[in-house]
Protein backbone atom coordinates (compact mmCIF):
# COMPACT_ATOMS: atom_id res chain seq x y z
CA MET A 1 -6.95 23.88 -42.84
CA THR A 2 -4.36 24.89 -40.25
CA ASP A 3 -4.77 24.12 -36.56
CA SER A 4 -5.82 27.69 -35.75
CA GLN A 5 -8.52 27.46 -38.45
CA SER A 6 -9.89 24.06 -37.41
CA PRO A 7 -13.07 23.92 -35.31
CA PRO A 8 -12.56 24.15 -31.52
CA ASN A 9 -13.82 20.58 -31.02
CA LEU A 10 -11.14 19.20 -33.37
CA GLN A 11 -8.48 21.30 -31.63
CA LEU A 12 -9.58 19.83 -28.28
CA ILE A 13 -9.43 16.27 -29.64
CA ASP A 14 -5.96 16.95 -31.03
CA ARG A 15 -4.87 18.24 -27.59
CA PHE A 16 -6.41 15.13 -25.99
CA LYS A 17 -4.54 12.77 -28.32
CA ASP A 18 -1.29 14.67 -27.85
CA PHE A 19 -1.78 14.60 -24.06
CA TYR A 20 -1.83 10.76 -24.08
CA ARG A 21 0.47 10.01 -27.01
CA ASP A 22 3.41 9.08 -24.71
CA VAL A 23 2.15 6.84 -21.87
CA LYS A 24 5.43 7.09 -19.96
CA HIS A 25 5.47 10.90 -20.17
CA PRO A 26 1.89 12.20 -20.37
CA LYS A 27 1.66 15.98 -20.64
CA LEU A 28 0.29 16.41 -17.12
CA GLY A 29 1.19 20.10 -17.07
CA SER A 30 -1.50 20.73 -19.68
CA ILE A 31 -4.28 18.72 -18.00
CA ASP A 32 -6.31 21.90 -17.45
CA GLN A 33 -6.27 22.58 -21.21
CA VAL A 34 -7.87 19.20 -21.88
CA TYR A 35 -10.08 18.36 -18.89
CA ALA A 36 -12.73 20.20 -16.91
CA ASP A 37 -12.04 20.46 -13.17
CA ASP A 38 -14.91 18.06 -12.38
CA VAL A 39 -14.20 15.50 -15.14
CA LEU A 40 -15.58 11.98 -14.68
CA PHE A 41 -13.05 9.38 -15.87
CA LYS A 42 -13.92 5.69 -16.24
CA ASP A 43 -12.06 2.64 -17.43
CA PRO A 44 -12.47 -1.08 -16.66
CA VAL A 45 -10.51 -0.64 -13.42
CA HIS A 46 -11.17 2.91 -12.19
CA GLU A 47 -13.82 5.54 -11.81
CA LEU A 48 -12.38 8.90 -10.85
CA ARG A 49 -13.95 12.31 -10.32
CA GLY A 50 -11.97 15.49 -10.83
CA ALA A 51 -8.90 16.60 -12.75
CA GLU A 52 -6.78 16.38 -9.61
CA ALA A 53 -7.67 12.70 -9.06
CA LEU A 54 -7.03 11.99 -12.75
CA HIS A 55 -3.66 13.78 -12.55
CA THR A 56 -2.66 11.61 -9.57
CA TYR A 57 -3.74 8.40 -11.33
CA LEU A 58 -1.89 9.23 -14.55
CA SER A 59 1.21 10.29 -12.65
CA GLU A 60 1.29 6.98 -10.75
CA MET A 61 0.61 4.98 -13.92
CA SER A 62 3.44 6.66 -15.84
CA VAL A 63 5.95 5.84 -13.09
CA ASN A 64 5.04 2.13 -13.25
CA VAL A 65 5.37 1.56 -17.01
CA GLN A 66 8.74 1.17 -18.71
CA SER A 67 7.52 2.66 -21.98
CA GLY A 68 4.29 3.22 -23.83
CA ARG A 69 2.54 5.06 -26.59
CA PHE A 70 -0.87 5.40 -28.15
CA GLU A 71 -1.43 4.79 -31.83
CA TYR A 72 -4.64 6.49 -32.93
CA LEU A 73 -6.54 4.55 -35.58
CA ASP A 74 -9.81 6.34 -36.21
CA GLN A 75 -12.13 8.93 -34.75
CA ILE A 76 -15.63 10.29 -35.02
CA VAL A 77 -16.05 13.82 -33.70
CA SER A 78 -19.32 15.72 -33.30
CA ASN A 79 -20.01 19.11 -31.72
CA ASP A 80 -19.86 17.80 -28.14
CA MET A 81 -18.69 14.16 -28.27
CA ALA A 82 -15.95 12.03 -29.83
CA TYR A 83 -15.11 8.35 -30.19
CA ILE A 84 -11.43 7.60 -30.70
CA LYS A 85 -10.18 4.11 -31.56
CA TRP A 86 -6.61 3.31 -30.55
CA ASN A 87 -3.90 0.77 -29.88
CA MET A 88 -1.89 1.21 -26.70
CA HIS A 89 1.61 -0.27 -26.87
CA PHE A 90 3.44 -0.54 -23.55
CA LYS A 91 5.95 -2.43 -21.45
CA HIS A 92 5.41 -3.05 -17.75
CA PRO A 93 8.06 -4.76 -15.61
CA ARG A 94 5.49 -6.98 -13.89
CA LEU A 95 4.05 -8.22 -17.18
CA GLY A 96 7.21 -9.52 -18.85
CA LYS A 97 9.75 -8.19 -21.30
CA ASP A 98 7.57 -7.94 -24.41
CA THR A 99 5.63 -4.93 -25.60
CA ILE A 100 1.91 -5.48 -25.00
CA THR A 101 -0.61 -4.08 -27.46
CA VAL A 102 -4.18 -3.46 -26.39
CA ARG A 103 -6.95 -2.24 -28.71
CA GLY A 104 -9.42 0.16 -27.17
CA MET A 105 -11.74 3.07 -27.64
CA SER A 106 -12.27 6.34 -25.78
CA GLN A 107 -15.55 8.17 -25.61
CA VAL A 108 -15.24 11.78 -24.54
CA GLN A 109 -17.91 14.41 -24.02
CA PHE A 110 -17.01 18.07 -23.89
CA HIS A 111 -17.97 21.70 -24.04
CA ASP A 112 -14.79 23.77 -24.06
CA ARG A 113 -12.97 20.96 -22.17
CA ILE A 114 -13.64 17.28 -21.58
CA TYR A 115 -16.07 16.61 -18.71
CA PHE A 116 -16.59 12.86 -19.37
CA HIS A 117 -14.00 10.32 -20.50
CA GLU A 118 -14.58 6.57 -20.69
CA ASP A 119 -12.02 4.08 -21.98
CA VAL A 120 -13.23 0.67 -23.12
CA TYR A 121 -10.76 -2.17 -23.63
CA ASP A 122 -10.26 -5.86 -22.89
CA LEU A 123 -8.82 -6.08 -19.37
CA GLY A 124 -7.79 -9.69 -20.08
CA GLN A 125 -5.73 -8.53 -23.05
CA LEU A 126 -4.20 -5.78 -20.92
CA ILE A 127 -3.33 -7.74 -17.78
CA TYR A 128 -4.68 -11.23 -17.23
CA GLU A 129 -3.18 -12.83 -20.36
CA HIS A 130 0.29 -11.75 -19.23
CA VAL A 131 0.23 -13.11 -15.67
CA PRO A 132 1.97 -16.50 -15.33
CA LEU A 133 -0.50 -19.42 -14.98
CA LEU A 134 -3.53 -17.12 -15.12
CA GLY A 135 -2.57 -16.06 -18.65
CA SER A 136 -2.68 -19.66 -19.88
CA VAL A 137 -6.13 -20.14 -18.34
CA VAL A 138 -7.52 -16.91 -19.87
CA LYS A 139 -6.11 -17.70 -23.33
CA GLY A 140 -7.46 -21.26 -23.09
CA LEU A 141 -10.93 -20.00 -22.16
CA LYS A 142 -10.92 -17.58 -25.08
CA LYS A 143 -10.04 -20.39 -27.48
CA ARG A 144 -12.81 -22.64 -26.09
CA LEU A 145 -15.38 -19.87 -26.38
CA ALA A 146 -14.36 -19.10 -29.96
CA VAL A 147 -15.25 -22.62 -31.17
């Protein structure tokens, strides 16, 4: 099935994934093709309302990372909702020289565009484990809890 023949919900999810594929250079010019004007965006750090606020957040985030990309692992798509599992690989100058990989999942709800987007991921894996001193404490706690 070609893209023009695929259901509109799958086309929207493909646009969504393409929008975020490059963390350093998100396709902010096409935000109105992915998100409704009054979108509600949530992640472990932010809760934003509106495509304009989301545009500002993503623009600021892309300036701060050295590089980054999403690797999409799996998805479940229904008529008005999708769950997308991913790995985000990125480098941030304040978090060391290594590429950090964080596993997460996005839930999106949509009609013709996405009106709800929630990202779920381990904030410790994203940030805390990479901060000097604090990282050692977080990793140590995880090991103790795993026993």
